[in-house]
Amino acid sequence: MNDARIESVRLTPTHDGEAALVVTLRFANGGRSNVQIEAEGMRRVMARAGVSNALDLIGRSWAVLDVADPPFTGWASKGE
């Protein structure tokens, strides 16, 4: 999965009426996946990538999207 690239970006409304960015990833095997990122997350993604325009993310590695550890993917503590 390290070879996934950002293929496209587009804005979409959230159920709260805010804007989010939908990022389409393209994998080496031709597969695609969409990731939705809220505004605050997008600011962190763009800072990590060193860009000021979301369109400049196109062609970059998907790794620039890794700015937070979603709570549902973390390991549970031993007591849980």
C-alpha atoms as a PDB file:
ATOM      1  CA  MET A   1       0.000   0.000   0.000  1.00  0.00           C
ATOM      2  CA  ASN A   2       3.024   2.303   0.181  1.00  0.00           C
ATOM      3  CA  ASP A   3       2.751   2.996  -3.532  1.00  0.00           C
ATOM      4  CA  ALA A   4      -0.723   4.589  -3.395  1.00  0.00           C
ATOM      5  CA  ARG A   5      -0.883   8.075  -4.910  1.00  0.00           C
ATOM      6  CA  ILE A   6      -3.392  10.874  -4.670  1.00  0.00           C
ATOM      7  CA  GLU A   7      -5.282  10.849  -7.957  1.00  0.00           C
ATOM      8  CA  SER A   8      -7.849  13.611  -7.389  1.00  0.00           C
ATOM      9  CA  VAL A   9      -9.414  15.866  -4.769  1.00  0.00           C
ATOM     10  CA  ARG A  10     -12.865  17.438  -4.525  1.00  0.00           C
ATOM     11  CA  LEU A  11     -14.932  19.282  -1.957  1.00  0.00           C
ATOM     12  CA  THR A  12     -18.066  17.730  -0.483  1.00  0.00           C
ATOM     13  CA  PRO A  13     -20.521  18.896   2.165  1.00  0.00           C
ATOM     14  CA  THR A  14     -20.747  17.033   5.452  1.00  0.00           C
ATOM     15  CA  HIS A  15     -23.990  16.231   7.244  1.00  0.00           C
ATOM     16  CA  ASP A  16     -23.242  19.230   9.497  1.00  0.00           C
ATOM     17  CA  GLY A  17     -23.147  21.563   6.487  1.00  0.00           C
ATOM     18  CA  GLU A  18     -19.388  22.013   6.636  1.00  0.00           C
ATOM     19  CA  ALA A  19     -16.936  21.374   3.815  1.00  0.00           C
ATOM     20  CA  ALA A  20     -14.735  18.287   3.657  1.00  0.00           C
ATOM     21  CA  LEU A  21     -12.269  17.128   1.055  1.00  0.00           C
ATOM     22  CA  VAL A  22     -12.677  13.791  -0.694  1.00  0.00           C
ATOM     23  CA  VAL A  23      -9.296  12.424  -1.754  1.00  0.00           C
ATOM     24  CA  THR A  24      -9.204   9.630  -4.324  1.00  0.00           C
ATOM     25  CA  LEU A  25      -6.233   7.286  -3.955  1.00  0.00           C
ATOM     26  CA  ARG A  26      -4.940   5.171  -6.847  1.00  0.00           C
ATOM     27  CA  PHE A  27      -3.041   1.979  -6.048  1.00  0.00           C
ATOM     28  CA  ALA A  28      -0.394   0.304  -8.205  1.00  0.00           C
ATOM     29  CA  ASN A  29      -2.766  -2.558  -9.000  1.00  0.00           C
ATOM     30  CA  GLY A  30      -5.303  -0.075 -10.446  1.00  0.00           C
ATOM     31  CA  GLY A  31      -7.588  -0.040  -7.419  1.00  0.00           C
ATOM     32  CA  ARG A  32      -9.045   3.170  -6.064  1.00  0.00           C
ATOM     33  CA  SER A  33     -10.246   4.286  -2.683  1.00  0.00           C
ATOM     34  CA  ASN A  34     -11.825   7.507  -1.407  1.00  0.00           C
ATOM     35  CA  VAL A  35     -10.900   9.157   1.884  1.00  0.00           C
ATOM     36  CA  GLN A  36     -12.906  12.028   3.357  1.00  0.00           C
ATOM     37  CA  ILE A  37     -11.002  14.565   5.440  1.00  0.00           C
ATOM     38  CA  GLU A  38     -12.624  17.368   7.454  1.00  0.00           C
ATOM     39  CA  ALA A  39     -11.333  20.958   7.296  1.00  0.00           C
ATOM     40  CA  GLU A  40      -9.029  20.799  10.349  1.00  0.00           C
ATOM     41  CA  GLY A  41      -7.489  17.560   9.115  1.00  0.00           C
ATOM     42  CA  MET A  42      -6.965  19.115   5.694  1.00  0.00           C
ATOM     43  CA  ARG A  43      -5.008  21.987   7.206  1.00  0.00           C
ATOM     44  CA  ARG A  44      -2.674  19.436   8.838  1.00  0.00           C
ATOM     45  CA  VAL A  45      -2.379  17.413   5.611  1.00  0.00           C
ATOM     46  CA  MET A  46      -1.515  20.484   3.563  1.00  0.00           C
ATOM     47  CA  ALA A  47       1.040  21.637   6.141  1.00  0.00           C
ATOM     48  CA  ARG A  48       2.658  18.190   6.158  1.00  0.00           C
ATOM     49  CA  ALA A  49       2.802  18.192   2.348  1.00  0.00           C
ATOM     50  CA  GLY A  50       4.085  21.792   2.229  1.00  0.00           C
ATOM     51  CA  VAL A  51       1.331  22.986  -0.121  1.00  0.00           C
ATOM     52  CA  SER A  52      -1.109  25.890   0.032  1.00  0.00           C
ATOM     53  CA  ASN A  53      -3.609  24.519  -2.489  1.00  0.00           C
ATOM     54  CA  ALA A  54      -5.321  21.128  -2.164  1.00  0.00           C
ATOM     55  CA  LEU A  55      -4.896  20.540  -5.908  1.00  0.00           C
ATOM     56  CA  ASP A  56      -1.133  20.433  -5.304  1.00  0.00           C
ATOM     57  CA  LEU A  57      -1.652  17.159  -3.418  1.00  0.00           C
ATOM     58  CA  ILE A  58      -2.412  15.349  -6.693  1.00  0.00           C
ATOM     59  CA  GLY A  59       0.393  12.946  -7.560  1.00  0.00           C
ATOM     60  CA  ARG A  60       1.795  12.821  -4.039  1.00  0.00           C
ATOM     61  CA  SER A  61       2.078   9.722  -1.890  1.00  0.00           C
ATOM     62  CA  TRP A  62      -0.926   8.847   0.251  1.00  0.00           C
ATOM     63  CA  ALA A  63       1.433   9.086   3.261  1.00  0.00           C
ATOM     64  CA  VAL A  64       0.832  12.865   3.498  1.00  0.00           C
ATOM     65  CA  LEU A  65      -2.705  12.006   4.675  1.00  0.00           C
ATOM     66  CA  ASP A  66      -1.399  10.265   7.796  1.00  0.00           C
ATOM     67  CA  VAL A  67      -1.712  13.159  10.257  1.00  0.00           C
ATOM     68  CA  ALA A  68      -3.840  11.545  12.955  1.00  0.00           C
ATOM     69  CA  ASP A  69      -4.402   8.154  14.520  1.00  0.00           C
ATOM     70  CA  PRO A  70      -8.131   7.467  14.255  1.00  0.00           C
ATOM     71  CA  PRO A  71      -9.423   6.061  17.553  1.00  0.00           C
ATOM     72  CA  PHE A  72     -10.982   3.003  15.920  1.00  0.00           C
ATOM     73  CA  THR A  73      -7.626   1.770  14.585  1.00  0.00           C
ATOM     74  CA  GLY A  74      -5.577   2.042  17.779  1.00  0.00           C
ATOM     75  CA  TRP A  75      -4.727  -0.899  19.979  1.00  0.00           C
ATOM     76  CA  ALA A  76      -6.890  -1.384  23.035  1.00  0.00           C
ATOM     77  CA  SER A  77      -5.097  -1.249  26.356  1.00  0.00           C
ATOM     78  CA  LYS A  78      -4.597  -4.546  28.201  1.00  0.00           C
ATOM     79  CA  GLY A  79      -7.348  -3.659  30.667  1.00  0.00           C
ATOM     80  CA  GLU A  80     -10.018  -3.361  27.950  1.00  0.00           C
END
